Amino acid sequence: MSLGPYASFIVTSYTLVAAVVVLLIIWIAIDYRLQKERLRELEASGVTRRSGRQATDIR
């Protein structure tokens, strides 16, 4: 497979895009864990979620 005179540009571009996608996936995974931990802390302190309310609790 020959990419011609632009091979280095093409390979570099795809490598950078792949690196950015991997970094975004890692960032999202870390943020997900942090948000879950924060929710656990809030629920442990007595704060409840609105989605956890019953229909009779809403006024």
Protein backbone atom coordinates (compact mmCIF):
# COMPACT_ATOMS: atom_id res chain seq x y z
CA MET A 1 0.00 0.00 0.00
CA SER A 2 1.57 3.24 -1.13
CA LEU A 3 0.33 6.53 0.29
CA GLY A 4 2.47 8.62 -2.00
CA PRO A 5 4.38 11.74 -1.05
CA TYR A 6 1.92 12.58 1.73
CA ALA A 7 2.40 9.36 3.68
CA SER A 8 4.06 11.03 6.67
CA PHE A 9 1.25 13.61 6.92
CA ILE A 10 -1.44 10.94 6.72
CA VAL A 11 0.19 8.66 9.28
CA THR A 12 0.87 11.58 11.65
CA SER A 13 -2.72 12.81 11.34
CA TYR A 14 -4.23 9.40 12.07
CA THR A 15 -1.84 8.90 14.99
CA LEU A 16 -2.77 12.24 16.53
CA VAL A 17 -6.49 11.58 16.09
CA ALA A 18 -6.13 8.15 17.69
CA ALA A 19 -4.21 9.69 20.61
CA VAL A 20 -6.89 12.35 21.13
CA VAL A 21 -9.67 9.73 21.08
CA VAL A 22 -7.82 7.57 23.61
CA LEU A 23 -7.25 10.59 25.87
CA LEU A 24 -10.94 11.52 25.68
CA ILE A 25 -11.96 7.98 26.61
CA ILE A 26 -9.58 8.02 29.59
CA TRP A 27 -10.85 11.46 30.66
CA ILE A 28 -14.47 10.32 30.49
CA ALA A 29 -13.71 7.15 32.47
CA ILE A 30 -11.94 9.13 35.21
CA ASP A 31 -14.71 11.74 35.34
CA TYR A 32 -17.35 8.98 35.54
CA ARG A 33 -15.63 7.47 38.56
CA LEU A 34 -15.29 10.87 40.22
CA GLN A 35 -18.97 11.67 39.65
CA LYS A 36 -20.07 8.30 41.03
CA GLU A 37 -17.92 8.87 44.13
CA ARG A 38 -19.38 12.37 44.56
CA LEU A 39 -22.91 10.96 44.31
CA ARG A 40 -22.09 8.35 46.95
CA GLU A 41 -20.77 11.09 49.25
CA LEU A 42 -23.87 13.23 48.75
CA GLU A 43 -26.23 10.31 49.35
CA ALA A 44 -24.27 9.34 52.48
CA SER A 45 -24.69 12.88 53.79
CA GLY A 46 -28.48 12.69 53.35
CA VAL A 47 -28.98 14.44 50.02
CA THR A 48 -31.45 12.54 47.84
CA ARG A 49 -31.97 12.53 44.11
CA ARG A 50 -35.12 14.02 42.60
CA SER A 51 -35.40 10.99 40.35
CA GLY A 52 -35.60 8.81 43.46
CA ARG A 53 -38.76 10.51 44.75
CA GLN A 54 -42.14 8.89 44.66
CA ALA A 55 -45.01 10.54 42.78
CA THR A 56 -46.71 11.21 46.15
CA ASP A 57 -43.66 13.19 47.38
CA ILE A 58 -43.96 15.82 44.65
CA ARG A 59 -46.16 18.82 45.37
